[in-house]
Amino acid sequence: MGEPQSSLEPALRAAVNDVPPHSITRLPAQDQQRLAVLLADSRQQQQARLQQALKSALGHLPRLLRAPVRRALFPKGDV
């Protein structure tokens, strides 16, 4: 079935939350490291854009309602 996930570079193993496709496990270590960096950068950019979108969306509400609405939308504080 292919190489086990343990053959992945540690940085890529941390970036992949699921069993990666066989094609990724077959990449050379240097390419796996580059892919891990790209994945981490992509996730950081995505989080930054989501934060900006949320801030923009809540900006349409009166200031006094923003905190209660944020707590109602994200009760665990995941934002």
N, C-alpha and C. Protein backbone atom coordinates (compact mmCIF):
# COMPACT_ATOMS: atom_id res chain seq x y z
N MET A 1 0.82 -1.20 0.00
CA MET A 1 0.00 0.00 0.00
C MET A 1 0.85 1.24 0.00
N GLY A 2 2.15 1.15 0.06
CA GLY A 2 3.00 2.33 0.05
C GLY A 2 3.73 2.48 1.35
N GLU A 3 4.55 3.48 1.40
CA GLU A 3 5.34 3.73 2.59
C GLU A 3 4.45 4.24 3.71
N PRO A 4 4.76 3.90 4.95
CA PRO A 4 3.96 4.38 6.07
C PRO A 4 4.17 5.88 6.28
N GLN A 5 3.25 6.49 7.02
CA GLN A 5 3.32 7.92 7.26
C GLN A 5 4.59 8.29 8.02
N SER A 6 5.20 7.37 8.73
CA SER A 6 6.39 7.67 9.50
C SER A 6 7.57 8.04 8.60
N SER A 7 7.48 7.77 7.29
CA SER A 7 8.55 8.13 6.38
C SER A 7 8.48 9.61 5.99
N LEU A 8 7.45 10.29 6.43
CA LEU A 8 7.32 11.71 6.14
C LEU A 8 8.29 12.53 6.97
N GLU A 9 8.70 13.65 6.42
CA GLU A 9 9.49 14.60 7.19
C GLU A 9 8.64 15.06 8.37
N PRO A 10 9.25 15.31 9.53
CA PRO A 10 8.48 15.71 10.71
C PRO A 10 7.63 16.97 10.49
N ALA A 11 8.17 17.95 9.77
CA ALA A 11 7.40 19.18 9.53
C ALA A 11 6.18 18.90 8.68
N LEU A 12 6.32 18.04 7.69
CA LEU A 12 5.18 17.71 6.84
C LEU A 12 4.18 16.85 7.61
N ARG A 13 4.68 15.96 8.44
CA ARG A 13 3.79 15.13 9.27
C ARG A 13 2.92 16.02 10.15
N ALA A 14 3.51 17.09 10.68
CA ALA A 14 2.76 18.02 11.53
C ALA A 14 1.74 18.81 10.71
N ALA A 15 2.06 19.08 9.45
CA ALA A 15 1.17 19.87 8.60
C ALA A 15 0.01 19.05 8.05
N VAL A 16 0.20 17.74 7.94
CA VAL A 16 -0.83 16.87 7.38
C VAL A 16 -1.61 16.26 8.54
N ASN A 17 -2.90 16.52 8.57
CA ASN A 17 -3.73 16.01 9.66
C ASN A 17 -4.36 14.66 9.36
N ASP A 18 -4.11 14.15 8.19
CA ASP A 18 -4.70 12.88 7.78
C ASP A 18 -3.61 12.08 7.07
N VAL A 19 -3.91 10.87 6.70
CA VAL A 19 -2.96 10.06 5.95
C VAL A 19 -2.81 10.70 4.57
N PRO A 20 -1.59 11.07 4.21
CA PRO A 20 -1.39 11.75 2.93
C PRO A 20 -1.48 10.77 1.76
N PRO A 21 -1.71 11.29 0.57
CA PRO A 21 -1.71 10.43 -0.61
C PRO A 21 -0.34 9.78 -0.79
N HIS A 22 -0.33 8.65 -1.41
CA HIS A 22 0.91 7.91 -1.66
C HIS A 22 1.94 8.77 -2.39
N SER A 23 1.48 9.61 -3.29
CA SER A 23 2.40 10.44 -4.07
C SER A 23 3.21 11.38 -3.17
N ILE A 24 2.64 11.83 -2.06
CA ILE A 24 3.37 12.72 -1.16
C ILE A 24 4.43 11.93 -0.37
N THR A 25 4.10 10.74 0.04
CA THR A 25 5.07 9.95 0.80
C THR A 25 6.26 9.55 -0.06
N ARG A 26 6.10 9.57 -1.36
CA ARG A 26 7.18 9.19 -2.27
C ARG A 26 8.08 10.37 -2.62
N LEU A 27 7.71 11.59 -2.23
CA LEU A 27 8.54 12.75 -2.52
C LEU A 27 9.86 12.68 -1.77
N PRO A 28 10.92 13.23 -2.38
CA PRO A 28 12.19 13.32 -1.65
C PRO A 28 12.03 14.21 -0.41
N ALA A 29 12.89 14.01 0.57
CA ALA A 29 12.80 14.75 1.83
C ALA A 29 12.81 16.26 1.61
N GLN A 30 13.63 16.73 0.69
CA GLN A 30 13.71 18.18 0.43
C GLN A 30 12.38 18.72 -0.08
N ASP A 31 11.73 17.98 -0.96
CA ASP A 31 10.43 18.40 -1.48
C ASP A 31 9.35 18.34 -0.40
N GLN A 32 9.44 17.35 0.48
CA GLN A 32 8.50 17.27 1.59
C GLN A 32 8.65 18.48 2.50
N GLN A 33 9.87 18.91 2.74
CA GLN A 33 10.10 20.08 3.58
C GLN A 33 9.52 21.33 2.92
N ARG A 34 9.74 21.47 1.62
CA ARG A 34 9.18 22.63 0.89
C ARG A 34 7.66 22.62 0.95
N LEU A 35 7.07 21.45 0.79
CA LEU A 35 5.61 21.32 0.85
C LEU A 35 5.10 21.69 2.24
N ALA A 36 5.81 21.27 3.28
CA ALA A 36 5.41 21.61 4.64
C ALA A 36 5.42 23.12 4.85
N VAL A 37 6.43 23.80 4.34
CA VAL A 37 6.51 25.27 4.46
C VAL A 37 5.35 25.92 3.71
N LEU A 38 5.07 25.43 2.50
CA LEU A 38 3.97 25.99 1.72
C LEU A 38 2.62 25.79 2.41
N LEU A 39 2.42 24.60 2.99
CA LEU A 39 1.17 24.33 3.70
C LEU A 39 1.02 25.24 4.92
N ALA A 40 2.10 25.41 5.68
CA ALA A 40 2.05 26.27 6.86
C ALA A 40 1.77 27.71 6.47
N ASP A 41 2.43 28.20 5.43
CA ASP A 41 2.19 29.57 4.97
C ASP A 41 0.75 29.75 4.49
N SER A 42 0.25 28.76 3.78
CA SER A 42 -1.11 28.82 3.27
C SER A 42 -2.13 28.88 4.41
N ARG A 43 -1.91 28.07 5.43
CA ARG A 43 -2.84 28.08 6.58
C ARG A 43 -2.78 29.40 7.34
N GLN A 44 -1.60 29.97 7.46
CA GLN A 44 -1.48 31.27 8.13
C GLN A 44 -2.20 32.35 7.34
N GLN A 45 -2.04 32.34 6.01
CA GLN A 45 -2.73 33.31 5.17
C GLN A 45 -4.24 33.13 5.26
N GLN A 46 -4.68 31.89 5.26
CA GLN A 46 -6.11 31.63 5.36
C GLN A 46 -6.68 32.15 6.68
N GLN A 47 -5.98 31.91 7.78
CA GLN A 47 -6.44 32.39 9.08
C GLN A 47 -6.48 33.92 9.11
N ALA A 48 -5.48 34.55 8.55
CA ALA A 48 -5.45 36.01 8.52
C ALA A 48 -6.62 36.56 7.70
N ARG A 49 -6.90 35.93 6.58
CA ARG A 49 -8.02 36.38 5.74
C ARG A 49 -9.36 36.14 6.42
N LEU A 50 -9.49 35.02 7.11
CA LEU A 50 -10.73 34.77 7.84
C LEU A 50 -10.93 35.78 8.97
N GLN A 51 -9.87 36.11 9.67
CA GLN A 51 -9.95 37.11 10.73
C GLN A 51 -10.37 38.47 10.16
N GLN A 52 -9.78 38.83 9.03
CA GLN A 52 -10.12 40.11 8.40
C GLN A 52 -11.57 40.12 7.92
N ALA A 53 -12.03 39.00 7.36
CA ALA A 53 -13.42 38.91 6.91
C ALA A 53 -14.39 39.01 8.08
N LEU A 54 -14.05 38.36 9.19
CA LEU A 54 -14.90 38.43 10.38
C LEU A 54 -14.95 39.86 10.91
N LYS A 55 -13.80 40.49 10.98
CA LYS A 55 -13.74 41.87 11.46
C LYS A 55 -14.57 42.79 10.56
N SER A 56 -14.47 42.57 9.27
CA SER A 56 -15.24 43.38 8.32
C SER A 56 -16.74 43.12 8.49
N ALA A 57 -17.12 41.86 8.64
CA ALA A 57 -18.54 41.53 8.79
C ALA A 57 -19.11 42.10 10.08
N LEU A 58 -18.36 41.97 11.18
CA LEU A 58 -18.84 42.51 12.45
C LEU A 58 -18.82 44.04 12.45
N GLY A 59 -18.03 44.62 11.57
CA GLY A 59 -17.97 46.07 11.46
C GLY A 59 -19.28 46.70 11.01
N HIS A 60 -20.16 45.89 10.45
CA HIS A 60 -21.46 46.40 10.01
C HIS A 60 -22.45 46.50 11.17
N LEU A 61 -22.09 45.91 12.30
CA LEU A 61 -22.96 45.95 13.47
C LEU A 61 -22.61 47.14 14.35
N PRO A 62 -23.58 47.64 15.10
CA PRO A 62 -23.25 48.66 16.10
C PRO A 62 -22.21 48.12 17.08
N ARG A 63 -21.32 48.95 17.52
CA ARG A 63 -20.20 48.55 18.37
C ARG A 63 -20.63 47.76 19.61
N LEU A 64 -21.74 48.14 20.22
CA LEU A 64 -22.20 47.46 21.42
C LEU A 64 -22.66 46.02 21.17
N LEU A 65 -23.03 45.72 19.95
CA LEU A 65 -23.51 44.37 19.63
C LEU A 65 -22.41 43.42 19.17
N ARG A 66 -21.25 43.94 18.84
CA ARG A 66 -20.20 43.09 18.26
C ARG A 66 -19.75 41.97 19.18
N ALA A 67 -19.46 42.27 20.43
CA ALA A 67 -18.98 41.24 21.36
C ALA A 67 -20.05 40.17 21.60
N PRO A 68 -21.30 40.54 21.87
CA PRO A 68 -22.31 39.49 22.06
C PRO A 68 -22.54 38.64 20.81
N VAL A 69 -22.50 39.26 19.66
CA VAL A 69 -22.69 38.50 18.42
C VAL A 69 -21.51 37.56 18.20
N ARG A 70 -20.30 38.03 18.47
CA ARG A 70 -19.11 37.18 18.32
C ARG A 70 -19.21 35.97 19.26
N ARG A 71 -19.64 36.21 20.51
CA ARG A 71 -19.79 35.10 21.47
C ARG A 71 -20.89 34.14 21.03
N ALA A 72 -21.96 34.65 20.42
CA ALA A 72 -23.04 33.78 19.97
C ALA A 72 -22.58 32.94 18.76
N LEU A 73 -21.79 33.53 17.89
CA LEU A 73 -21.31 32.80 16.71
C LEU A 73 -20.20 31.82 17.05
N PHE A 74 -19.37 32.18 18.02
CA PHE A 74 -18.21 31.37 18.37
C PHE A 74 -18.17 31.16 19.88
N PRO A 75 -19.06 30.32 20.40
CA PRO A 75 -19.16 30.15 21.85
C PRO A 75 -17.90 29.59 22.51
N LYS A 76 -17.08 28.88 21.77
CA LYS A 76 -15.86 28.33 22.34
C LYS A 76 -14.69 29.29 22.20
N GLY A 77 -14.94 30.45 21.60
CA GLY A 77 -13.87 31.43 21.42
C GLY A 77 -12.85 31.00 20.39
N ASP A 78 -13.29 30.27 19.38
CA ASP A 78 -12.38 29.73 18.37
C ASP A 78 -11.93 30.75 17.35
N VAL A 79 -12.17 32.00 17.59
CA VAL A 79 -11.80 33.02 16.62
C VAL A 79 -10.59 33.77 17.06
